[in-house]
Amino acid sequence: MATASASKQTHGVVDSTDGTPIAWSRVGTGPDLVMVHCVGVSRATTPQPTLADALAERFTVWTYDRRGKGESGNTDPYDVQREVEDLTAVIDLADGPVTVYGFSSGATLSLIAAEAGAPIERLALLEPPLYDEPDPDHAFRAEGERRLADGPDVLHHWFQTDVVGVPAEVLAELPPPSAETLRDAASLLHELTFLPGTPAIRFSSVRQPTLLIASDSTAPEIHTWGEELEATLPDARLTILPGEWHGVDDATLTTAIGDFVDE
């Protein structure tokens, strides 16, 4: 539950279990919702910069910088369980039951947190990627470390093209990475650590009501992963909404998530 001070503040810092400071912001009123951002971005560099304000029309929205990004700290060695603890620390600031909204790898991280027992009432997940093959020797991460040694811009480009698979036409329309994005590029290694070994069957114990969202114009494998999760999770449904490659507009997302929570 929120402390008296946190419930009145619009931003602050909370210490995670291992002492790492996690920076957070709050906006809006209504049921509590925590946003978990995608790979390599902070509250300032998210590709969904106006979504929190849109959701704030129906929710008290908590956003935070995942460790290694933005204003949050970082502690080595990386372990995804620390990210679960970070999310839990933010959830504990809220006044009541919490819906967690995750986007892309942030959605997969949200599933991992629910699997680990984080106090989540509902999940709303936009296009979580699933990587079936485990990587016990961390070869995937090691390749990222080699790219990082050549520069954060090299790692960032490789991640977009070879890991995420951003289509060339979409990549051509994206602005070059900002200085802040490149500063946080090392955090891309976090996803290279926790994404391998995330088949849908891994999350069969996640019993929270779950809304899986995908764009009608996204990559085909995203739809496949959503269908696999819908078939595997005990209480999940997949909805395909009008959108673009790996994205749905704020108003459409707000309506879908709001109606899901109102149920």
Protein backbone atom coordinates (compact mmCIF):
# COMPACT_ATOMS: atom_id res chain seq x y z
CA MET A 1 0.00 0.00 0.00
CA ALA A 2 1.12 3.58 -0.58
CA THR A 3 2.69 5.60 2.18
CA ALA A 4 0.93 8.85 3.03
CA SER A 5 3.67 10.83 1.29
CA ALA A 6 3.85 8.69 -1.86
CA SER A 7 0.09 8.85 -2.38
CA LYS A 8 0.31 12.65 -2.66
CA GLN A 9 3.52 12.98 -4.66
CA THR A 10 3.69 13.14 -8.44
CA HIS A 11 7.23 11.74 -8.63
CA GLY A 12 9.92 10.30 -6.43
CA VAL A 13 12.41 7.52 -5.86
CA VAL A 14 11.82 4.18 -4.16
CA ASP A 15 14.56 1.79 -3.10
CA SER A 16 14.27 -1.71 -4.49
CA THR A 17 15.04 -4.74 -2.33
CA ASP A 18 18.75 -4.64 -3.19
CA GLY A 19 18.95 -0.89 -2.52
CA THR A 20 18.88 0.22 -6.16
CA PRO A 21 17.00 3.55 -6.48
CA ILE A 22 14.05 3.37 -8.87
CA ALA A 23 12.64 6.67 -10.15
CA TRP A 24 8.87 6.90 -10.61
CA SER A 25 6.09 9.30 -11.61
CA ARG A 26 2.34 9.37 -10.97
CA VAL A 27 -0.49 11.06 -12.87
CA GLY A 28 -4.28 10.85 -12.92
CA THR A 29 -6.94 9.45 -10.62
CA GLY A 30 -8.85 6.20 -10.49
CA PRO A 31 -7.78 2.54 -10.24
CA ASP A 32 -4.03 2.05 -10.04
CA LEU A 33 -2.11 1.03 -13.16
CA VAL A 34 1.66 0.58 -13.44
CA MET A 35 3.36 0.88 -16.83
CA VAL A 36 6.36 -1.32 -17.64
CA HIS A 37 8.32 0.16 -20.54
CA CYS A 38 9.93 -1.72 -23.39
CA VAL A 39 13.61 -2.40 -23.98
CA GLY A 40 16.27 0.28 -23.62
CA VAL A 41 13.99 3.24 -22.86
CA SER A 42 13.13 5.43 -19.90
CA ARG A 43 10.10 7.54 -19.07
CA ALA A 44 11.73 10.29 -21.15
CA THR A 45 12.62 8.20 -24.20
CA THR A 46 9.67 5.78 -24.39
CA PRO A 47 8.09 5.36 -27.83
CA GLN A 48 4.74 5.83 -26.04
CA PRO A 49 5.40 9.32 -24.61
CA THR A 50 1.76 10.42 -24.31
CA LEU A 51 0.16 7.13 -23.26
CA ALA A 52 0.45 7.79 -19.51
CA ASP A 53 -1.55 11.01 -19.86
CA ALA A 54 -4.15 9.26 -22.01
CA LEU A 55 -4.54 6.44 -19.48
CA ALA A 56 -4.71 9.02 -16.69
CA GLU A 57 -8.22 9.89 -17.86
CA ARG A 58 -9.31 6.56 -16.34
CA PHE A 59 -6.48 5.49 -14.03
CA THR A 60 -3.92 6.57 -11.48
CA VAL A 61 -0.92 5.82 -13.67
CA TRP A 62 2.47 4.95 -12.22
CA THR A 63 5.46 4.97 -14.56
CA TYR A 64 9.03 4.21 -13.66
CA ASP A 65 12.49 3.95 -15.14
CA ARG A 66 13.58 0.34 -15.17
CA ARG A 67 17.02 -0.21 -13.63
CA GLY A 68 19.91 0.96 -15.78
CA LYS A 69 17.74 3.56 -17.55
CA GLY A 70 16.86 7.21 -17.10
CA GLU A 71 16.97 8.40 -13.51
CA SER A 72 17.05 4.95 -11.91
CA GLY A 73 20.19 3.30 -10.66
CA ASN A 74 21.71 -0.03 -11.58
CA THR A 75 23.44 -2.78 -9.64
CA ASP A 76 25.54 -5.57 -11.14
CA PRO A 77 25.34 -8.47 -11.74
CA TYR A 78 22.03 -8.34 -13.59
CA ASP A 79 19.31 -10.77 -12.52
CA VAL A 80 15.73 -10.53 -13.79
CA GLN A 81 14.51 -11.21 -10.24
CA ARG A 82 15.84 -7.75 -9.34
CA GLU A 83 13.51 -6.28 -11.99
CA VAL A 84 10.63 -8.19 -10.43
CA GLU A 85 11.54 -6.58 -7.11
CA ASP A 86 11.73 -3.14 -8.77
CA LEU A 87 8.21 -3.53 -10.16
CA THR A 88 6.96 -4.79 -6.81
CA ALA A 89 8.44 -1.75 -5.06
CA VAL A 90 6.50 0.54 -7.40
CA ILE A 91 3.31 -1.50 -7.01
CA ASP A 92 3.66 -1.16 -3.24
CA LEU A 93 3.37 2.63 -3.61
CA ALA A 94 -0.18 2.29 -4.90
CA ASP A 95 -3.36 2.60 -2.87
CA GLY A 96 -5.03 -0.61 -3.96
CA PRO A 97 -5.11 -3.50 -6.45
CA VAL A 98 -2.90 -2.83 -9.44
CA THR A 99 -3.25 -3.49 -13.14
CA VAL A 100 0.13 -3.82 -14.85
CA TYR A 101 0.41 -2.66 -18.44
CA GLY A 102 3.52 -3.85 -20.27
CA PHE A 103 4.66 -3.10 -23.79
CA SER A 104 6.86 -5.39 -25.91
CA SER A 105 9.67 -6.82 -23.78
CA GLY A 106 8.14 -4.93 -20.85
CA ALA A 107 5.07 -7.11 -21.38
CA THR A 108 7.20 -10.25 -21.24
CA LEU A 109 8.85 -8.92 -18.09
CA SER A 110 5.38 -8.37 -16.62
CA LEU A 111 4.55 -12.03 -17.28
CA ILE A 112 7.78 -13.05 -15.56
CA ALA A 113 6.85 -10.88 -12.58
CA ALA A 114 3.37 -12.41 -12.38
CA GLU A 115 4.89 -15.89 -12.63
CA ALA A 116 7.20 -14.99 -9.74
CA GLY A 117 4.30 -13.92 -7.52
CA ALA A 118 4.39 -10.13 -7.80
CA PRO A 119 1.18 -8.56 -6.36
CA ILE A 120 -0.54 -7.92 -9.69
CA GLU A 121 -4.34 -8.04 -9.99
CA ARG A 122 -4.61 -7.85 -13.79
CA LEU A 123 -2.30 -7.77 -16.80
CA ALA A 124 -2.76 -5.77 -19.99
CA LEU A 125 0.01 -6.70 -22.42
CA LEU A 126 0.78 -5.13 -25.78
CA GLU A 127 2.66 -7.49 -28.08
CA PRO A 128 4.92 -9.46 -25.70
CA PRO A 129 7.73 -11.23 -27.59
CA LEU A 130 8.39 -14.87 -26.71
CA TYR A 131 11.73 -16.62 -27.26
CA ASP A 132 11.31 -20.36 -26.91
CA GLU A 133 14.96 -21.40 -26.85
CA PRO A 134 16.77 -21.15 -23.50
CA ASP A 135 20.28 -19.75 -23.40
CA PRO A 136 21.98 -21.35 -20.38
CA ASP A 137 25.45 -20.23 -21.49
CA HIS A 138 24.29 -16.64 -22.11
CA ALA A 139 25.63 -16.69 -25.67
CA PHE A 140 22.92 -14.22 -26.72
CA ARG A 141 24.01 -11.74 -24.08
CA ALA A 142 27.69 -12.34 -24.92
CA GLU A 143 27.01 -11.33 -28.52
CA GLY A 144 25.42 -8.14 -27.21
CA GLU A 145 28.45 -7.46 -25.04
CA ARG A 146 30.69 -7.82 -28.11
CA ARG A 147 28.54 -5.30 -29.97
CA LEU A 148 28.59 -2.92 -27.01
CA ALA A 149 32.41 -3.05 -26.97
CA ASP A 150 32.26 -1.53 -30.47
CA GLY A 151 30.07 1.30 -29.22
CA PRO A 152 26.54 1.83 -27.88
CA ASP A 153 25.38 2.89 -31.35
CA VAL A 154 26.57 -0.45 -32.78
CA LEU A 155 24.70 -2.40 -30.08
CA HIS A 156 21.57 -0.27 -30.55
CA HIS A 157 21.51 -0.78 -34.34
CA TRP A 158 22.14 -4.53 -34.05
CA PHE A 159 19.39 -4.88 -31.47
CA GLN A 160 16.87 -3.08 -33.66
CA THR A 161 17.70 -4.95 -36.86
CA ASP A 162 18.77 -8.43 -35.77
CA VAL A 163 16.98 -8.94 -32.43
CA VAL A 164 13.76 -6.95 -32.77
CA GLY A 165 13.63 -7.21 -36.55
CA VAL A 166 12.41 -3.68 -37.23
CA PRO A 167 11.39 -3.57 -40.91
CA ALA A 168 13.70 -1.47 -43.10
CA GLU A 169 10.90 0.91 -44.05
CA VAL A 170 10.03 1.49 -40.38
CA LEU A 171 13.68 1.88 -39.41
CA ALA A 172 14.14 4.50 -42.14
CA GLU A 173 11.41 6.64 -40.55
CA LEU A 174 12.81 6.47 -37.02
CA PRO A 175 14.91 9.36 -35.72
CA PRO A 176 18.52 8.59 -34.81
CA PRO A 177 18.95 7.45 -31.20
CA SER A 178 19.27 10.29 -28.72
CA ALA A 179 22.25 10.80 -26.45
CA GLU A 180 20.14 9.55 -23.53
CA THR A 181 19.12 6.43 -25.45
CA LEU A 182 22.75 5.67 -26.25
CA ARG A 183 23.72 6.34 -22.64
CA ASP A 184 21.26 3.63 -21.56
CA ALA A 185 22.23 1.22 -24.36
CA ALA A 186 23.99 -1.16 -21.98
CA SER A 187 20.58 -1.97 -20.50
CA LEU A 188 19.75 -3.76 -23.76
CA LEU A 189 21.81 -6.58 -22.29
CA HIS A 190 19.07 -7.07 -19.69
CA GLU A 191 16.60 -8.22 -22.36
CA LEU A 192 19.26 -10.43 -23.91
CA THR A 193 19.44 -12.12 -20.51
CA PHE A 194 15.76 -12.67 -19.65
CA LEU A 195 14.05 -13.13 -23.02
CA PRO A 196 15.58 -16.52 -23.95
CA GLY A 197 13.52 -19.37 -22.55
CA THR A 198 10.13 -17.64 -22.50
CA PRO A 199 7.75 -19.98 -24.38
CA ALA A 200 4.06 -19.52 -23.67
CA ILE A 201 3.91 -22.75 -21.65
CA ARG A 202 6.28 -21.21 -19.09
CA PHE A 203 3.48 -18.87 -18.02
CA SER A 204 0.73 -21.46 -17.56
CA SER A 205 0.65 -20.70 -13.82
CA VAL A 206 -0.19 -17.00 -14.38
CA ARG A 207 -3.83 -16.90 -13.28
CA GLN A 208 -4.45 -13.15 -13.29
CA PRO A 209 -7.05 -11.95 -15.80
CA THR A 210 -4.93 -11.00 -18.81
CA LEU A 211 -5.73 -8.88 -21.84
CA LEU A 212 -3.37 -9.60 -24.72
CA ILE A 213 -3.33 -6.83 -27.33
CA ALA A 214 -1.82 -6.83 -30.81
CA SER A 215 -1.99 -4.53 -33.79
CA ASP A 216 -3.62 -5.75 -36.98
CA SER A 217 -0.54 -4.52 -38.88
CA THR A 218 2.20 -5.98 -36.72
CA ALA A 219 4.60 -8.84 -37.45
CA PRO A 220 2.87 -12.22 -37.95
CA GLU A 221 4.87 -13.88 -35.18
CA ILE A 222 3.39 -11.41 -32.68
CA HIS A 223 -0.08 -12.77 -33.47
CA THR A 224 1.22 -16.32 -33.11
CA TRP A 225 2.72 -15.58 -29.71
CA GLY A 226 -0.50 -13.91 -28.60
CA GLU A 227 -2.53 -16.94 -29.69
CA GLU A 228 -0.16 -19.26 -27.83
CA LEU A 229 -0.48 -17.21 -24.64
CA GLU A 230 -4.28 -17.03 -24.99
CA ALA A 231 -4.40 -20.82 -25.27
CA THR A 232 -2.01 -21.36 -22.34
CA LEU A 233 -2.91 -18.82 -19.65
CA PRO A 234 -5.96 -19.85 -17.60
CA ASP A 235 -7.71 -16.47 -17.90
CA ALA A 236 -6.51 -14.64 -20.99
CA ARG A 237 -7.99 -13.26 -24.17
CA LEU A 238 -6.37 -11.84 -27.27
CA THR A 239 -7.75 -8.79 -29.02
CA ILE A 240 -6.48 -7.50 -32.36
CA LEU A 241 -6.84 -3.74 -32.71
CA PRO A 242 -6.26 -1.31 -35.56
CA GLY A 243 -2.67 -0.10 -35.48
CA GLU A 244 0.71 -0.12 -37.13
CA TRP A 245 3.84 -2.24 -36.92
CA HIS A 246 4.32 -2.97 -33.20
CA GLY A 247 2.01 -0.20 -32.09
CA VAL A 248 -1.56 0.86 -31.26
CA ASP A 249 -2.60 4.48 -30.71
CA ASP A 250 -3.17 5.90 -27.24
CA ALA A 251 -6.94 6.37 -27.48
CA THR A 252 -7.54 2.82 -28.72
CA LEU A 253 -5.30 1.35 -26.02
CA THR A 254 -6.94 3.44 -23.29
CA THR A 255 -10.41 2.30 -24.31
CA ALA A 256 -9.40 -1.36 -24.51
CA ILE A 257 -7.56 -1.38 -21.18
CA GLY A 258 -10.19 0.73 -19.43
CA ASP A 259 -13.05 -1.50 -20.55
CA PHE A 260 -11.05 -4.59 -19.52
CA VAL A 261 -10.51 -3.25 -16.00
CA ASP A 262 -14.14 -2.07 -15.71
CA GLU A 263 -15.29 -5.63 -16.29
